[in-house]
N, C-alpha and C. Protein backbone atom coordinates (compact mmCIF):
# COMPACT_ATOMS: atom_id res chain seq x y z
N MET A 1 0.83 -1.19 0.00
CA MET A 1 0.00 0.00 0.00
C MET A 1 0.87 1.25 0.00
N LYS A 2 1.95 1.20 0.81
CA LYS A 2 2.83 2.37 0.88
C LYS A 2 3.53 2.60 -0.46
N SER A 3 3.89 1.51 -1.13
CA SER A 3 4.57 1.67 -2.42
C SER A 3 3.62 2.25 -3.48
N ALA A 4 2.34 1.92 -3.40
CA ALA A 4 1.37 2.47 -4.35
C ALA A 4 1.20 3.97 -4.12
N VAL A 5 1.15 4.39 -2.86
CA VAL A 5 1.03 5.81 -2.54
C VAL A 5 2.28 6.55 -2.98
N PHE A 6 3.44 5.95 -2.74
CA PHE A 6 4.70 6.58 -3.15
C PHE A 6 4.78 6.71 -4.67
N ALA A 7 4.36 5.68 -5.39
CA ALA A 7 4.37 5.72 -6.86
C ALA A 7 3.42 6.79 -7.38
N THR A 8 2.28 6.94 -6.75
CA THR A 8 1.32 7.97 -7.16
C THR A 8 1.88 9.35 -6.92
N LEU A 9 2.52 9.57 -5.76
CA LEU A 9 3.12 10.86 -5.47
C LEU A 9 4.26 11.17 -6.44
N LEU A 10 5.04 10.18 -6.76
CA LEU A 10 6.14 10.38 -7.69
C LEU A 10 5.64 10.72 -9.09
N ALA A 11 4.59 10.04 -9.52
CA ALA A 11 4.02 10.30 -10.85
C ALA A 11 3.40 11.69 -10.91
N SER A 12 2.73 12.12 -9.85
CA SER A 12 2.12 13.45 -9.87
C SER A 12 3.19 14.53 -9.80
N ALA A 13 4.29 14.29 -9.12
CA ALA A 13 5.38 15.27 -9.08
C ALA A 13 6.07 15.36 -10.44
N ALA A 14 6.16 14.26 -11.15
CA ALA A 14 6.80 14.27 -12.47
C ALA A 14 5.97 15.05 -13.48
N ALA A 15 4.69 15.18 -13.24
CA ALA A 15 3.84 15.93 -14.17
C ALA A 15 4.18 17.40 -14.17
N PHE A 16 4.74 17.91 -13.07
CA PHE A 16 5.06 19.33 -12.97
C PHE A 16 6.54 19.62 -13.21
N ALA A 17 7.30 18.63 -13.57
CA ALA A 17 8.72 18.83 -13.86
C ALA A 17 8.85 19.55 -15.20
N PRO A 18 9.84 20.41 -15.35
CA PRO A 18 10.00 21.10 -16.62
C PRO A 18 10.35 20.13 -17.75
N ALA A 19 9.76 20.36 -18.89
CA ALA A 19 10.00 19.50 -20.04
C ALA A 19 11.32 19.88 -20.69
N SER A 20 11.99 18.91 -21.25
CA SER A 20 13.25 19.20 -21.93
C SER A 20 12.95 19.90 -23.24
N GLN A 21 13.76 20.89 -23.57
CA GLN A 21 13.58 21.65 -24.79
C GLN A 21 14.30 20.95 -25.94
N LYS A 22 13.61 20.76 -27.03
CA LYS A 22 14.20 20.14 -28.20
C LYS A 22 14.88 21.22 -29.05
N ALA A 23 15.91 20.83 -29.73
CA ALA A 23 16.57 21.77 -30.64
C ALA A 23 15.65 22.04 -31.82
N ALA A 24 15.53 23.30 -32.19
CA ALA A 24 14.64 23.68 -33.27
C ALA A 24 15.24 23.26 -34.61
N SER A 25 14.43 22.64 -35.42
CA SER A 25 14.88 22.27 -36.75
C SER A 25 14.45 23.35 -37.73
N SER A 26 15.23 23.55 -38.75
CA SER A 26 14.89 24.60 -39.71
C SER A 26 13.98 24.02 -40.78
N THR A 27 12.77 24.53 -40.86
CA THR A 27 11.82 24.12 -41.87
C THR A 27 11.13 25.36 -42.42
N ALA A 28 10.33 25.17 -43.42
CA ALA A 28 9.58 26.28 -43.99
C ALA A 28 8.50 26.75 -43.02
N LEU A 29 8.08 25.87 -42.09
CA LEU A 29 7.03 26.24 -41.15
C LEU A 29 7.50 27.23 -40.10
N GLN A 30 8.80 27.38 -39.93
CA GLN A 30 9.28 28.35 -38.95
C GLN A 30 8.98 29.77 -39.38
N ALA A 31 8.61 29.97 -40.62
CA ALA A 31 8.22 31.29 -41.08
C ALA A 31 6.97 31.76 -40.36
N PHE A 32 6.16 30.84 -39.86
CA PHE A 32 4.90 31.18 -39.21
C PHE A 32 4.96 31.06 -37.69
N GLU A 33 6.12 30.78 -37.12
CA GLU A 33 6.25 30.58 -35.68
C GLU A 33 5.89 31.83 -34.88
N GLU A 34 6.11 33.02 -35.43
CA GLU A 34 5.87 34.26 -34.70
C GLU A 34 4.50 34.85 -34.99
N ASP A 35 3.69 34.20 -35.82
CA ASP A 35 2.38 34.73 -36.15
C ASP A 35 1.40 34.51 -35.01
N ILE A 36 0.32 35.28 -35.05
CA ILE A 36 -0.73 35.15 -34.03
C ILE A 36 -1.35 33.77 -34.16
N GLY A 37 -1.54 33.11 -33.05
CA GLY A 37 -2.14 31.79 -33.05
C GLY A 37 -1.15 30.67 -32.83
N ALA A 38 0.13 30.95 -32.94
CA ALA A 38 1.14 29.94 -32.66
C ALA A 38 1.34 29.90 -31.15
N THR A 39 0.94 28.81 -30.52
CA THR A 39 1.00 28.71 -29.07
C THR A 39 2.31 28.07 -28.63
N LEU A 40 2.72 28.38 -27.42
CA LEU A 40 4.01 27.94 -26.92
C LEU A 40 4.21 26.43 -26.86
N PRO A 41 3.30 25.66 -26.31
CA PRO A 41 3.62 24.23 -26.23
C PRO A 41 3.77 23.59 -27.61
N LEU A 42 2.97 24.00 -28.56
CA LEU A 42 3.00 23.35 -29.87
C LEU A 42 3.74 24.16 -30.92
N GLY A 43 3.77 25.46 -30.76
CA GLY A 43 4.31 26.30 -31.81
C GLY A 43 3.29 26.40 -32.93
N PHE A 44 3.72 26.49 -34.15
CA PHE A 44 2.80 26.54 -35.29
C PHE A 44 2.34 25.11 -35.56
N TYR A 45 1.03 24.89 -35.52
CA TYR A 45 0.46 23.54 -35.62
C TYR A 45 -0.28 23.41 -36.95
N ASP A 46 0.22 22.59 -37.83
CA ASP A 46 -0.38 22.36 -39.13
C ASP A 46 -0.38 20.86 -39.41
N PRO A 47 -1.35 20.11 -38.82
CA PRO A 47 -1.31 18.66 -38.95
C PRO A 47 -1.57 18.16 -40.37
N LEU A 48 -2.27 18.93 -41.19
CA LEU A 48 -2.57 18.49 -42.54
C LEU A 48 -1.54 18.96 -43.56
N GLY A 49 -0.61 19.80 -43.13
CA GLY A 49 0.43 20.28 -44.03
C GLY A 49 -0.09 21.22 -45.10
N LEU A 50 -1.09 22.03 -44.78
CA LEU A 50 -1.69 22.92 -45.77
C LEU A 50 -0.74 24.02 -46.22
N VAL A 51 0.14 24.46 -45.33
CA VAL A 51 1.10 25.51 -45.69
C VAL A 51 2.52 25.01 -45.48
N ALA A 52 2.75 23.77 -45.85
CA ALA A 52 4.07 23.17 -45.65
C ALA A 52 5.14 23.83 -46.53
N ASP A 53 4.71 24.46 -47.62
CA ASP A 53 5.68 25.10 -48.50
C ASP A 53 6.13 26.46 -47.99
N GLY A 54 5.45 27.01 -46.98
CA GLY A 54 5.86 28.29 -46.39
C GLY A 54 5.37 29.50 -47.17
N ASP A 55 4.36 29.33 -48.00
CA ASP A 55 3.84 30.43 -48.81
C ASP A 55 3.01 31.37 -47.93
N GLN A 56 3.45 32.62 -47.78
CA GLN A 56 2.79 33.58 -46.91
C GLN A 56 1.41 33.97 -47.44
N GLU A 57 1.25 34.10 -48.75
CA GLU A 57 -0.05 34.47 -49.32
C GLU A 57 -1.10 33.40 -49.05
N LYS A 58 -0.72 32.15 -49.21
CA LYS A 58 -1.65 31.04 -48.95
C LYS A 58 -2.01 30.99 -47.47
N PHE A 59 -1.02 31.22 -46.61
CA PHE A 59 -1.26 31.24 -45.17
C PHE A 59 -2.25 32.34 -44.80
N ASP A 60 -2.05 33.54 -45.36
CA ASP A 60 -2.95 34.66 -45.06
C ASP A 60 -4.37 34.38 -45.57
N ARG A 61 -4.48 33.79 -46.77
CA ARG A 61 -5.80 33.48 -47.33
C ARG A 61 -6.52 32.45 -46.46
N LEU A 62 -5.80 31.42 -46.02
CA LEU A 62 -6.42 30.41 -45.16
C LEU A 62 -6.84 30.99 -43.82
N ARG A 63 -6.02 31.88 -43.28
CA ARG A 63 -6.36 32.51 -42.00
C ARG A 63 -7.61 33.37 -42.14
N LEU A 64 -7.72 34.16 -43.21
CA LEU A 64 -8.91 35.00 -43.41
C LEU A 64 -10.15 34.14 -43.64
N THR A 65 -10.00 33.04 -44.36
CA THR A 65 -11.12 32.14 -44.58
C THR A 65 -11.59 31.52 -43.27
N GLU A 66 -10.64 31.16 -42.41
CA GLU A 66 -11.00 30.59 -41.11
C GLU A 66 -11.74 31.61 -40.25
N LEU A 67 -11.29 32.85 -40.26
CA LEU A 67 -11.98 33.90 -39.51
C LEU A 67 -13.39 34.12 -40.04
N LYS A 68 -13.54 34.13 -41.36
CA LYS A 68 -14.85 34.33 -41.97
C LYS A 68 -15.81 33.21 -41.56
N HIS A 69 -15.35 31.97 -41.64
CA HIS A 69 -16.21 30.84 -41.28
C HIS A 69 -16.54 30.84 -39.80
N GLY A 70 -15.60 31.26 -38.97
CA GLY A 70 -15.87 31.36 -37.54
C GLY A 70 -16.93 32.41 -37.23
N ARG A 71 -16.86 33.54 -37.93
CA ARG A 71 -17.86 34.59 -37.72
C ARG A 71 -19.23 34.15 -38.19
N ILE A 72 -19.28 33.45 -39.33
CA ILE A 72 -20.56 32.94 -39.82
C ILE A 72 -21.14 31.93 -38.84
N ALA A 73 -20.30 31.09 -38.26
CA ALA A 73 -20.77 30.11 -37.29
C ALA A 73 -21.32 30.80 -36.03
N MET A 74 -20.66 31.88 -35.59
CA MET A 74 -21.16 32.60 -34.42
C MET A 74 -22.51 33.25 -34.71
N ILE A 75 -22.67 33.81 -35.90
CA ILE A 75 -23.96 34.41 -36.27
C ILE A 75 -25.03 33.33 -36.35
N ALA A 76 -24.68 32.15 -36.86
CA ALA A 76 -25.64 31.05 -36.94
C ALA A 76 -26.09 30.61 -35.56
N VAL A 77 -25.19 30.58 -34.59
CA VAL A 77 -25.56 30.20 -33.23
C VAL A 77 -26.50 31.23 -32.62
N VAL A 78 -26.20 32.51 -32.85
CA VAL A 78 -27.09 33.56 -32.34
C VAL A 78 -28.46 33.44 -32.98
N GLY A 79 -28.52 33.18 -34.29
CA GLY A 79 -29.81 32.98 -34.95
C GLY A 79 -30.56 31.80 -34.40
N TYR A 80 -29.86 30.74 -34.10
CA TYR A 80 -30.50 29.57 -33.52
C TYR A 80 -31.07 29.88 -32.14
N LEU A 81 -30.29 30.61 -31.33
CA LEU A 81 -30.76 30.94 -29.98
C LEU A 81 -31.93 31.92 -30.00
N VAL A 82 -31.97 32.83 -30.96
CA VAL A 82 -33.04 33.80 -31.04
C VAL A 82 -34.35 33.10 -31.42
N GLN A 83 -34.26 32.08 -32.25
CA GLN A 83 -35.48 31.38 -32.67
C GLN A 83 -36.11 30.59 -31.54
N GLU A 84 -35.35 30.20 -30.57
CA GLU A 84 -35.90 29.38 -29.48
C GLU A 84 -36.76 30.16 -28.56
């Protein structure tokens, strides 16, 4: 029983230990590391590789399209709530 409690305490303490920093690799995606929306734990996150070539115009177009769709979705939710 004591070993189970000790193991639990050790595991919970390890959760708050600082993570090791990996060396940054140079890729085309580092062009977007400083843009708005790049969060610290993940950095720039592009799981589908939509802007893997590092094209700034394509990145800006996709960002504006995402904002537009988000705004339309918010208006749709307000319309749904008003009808109720």
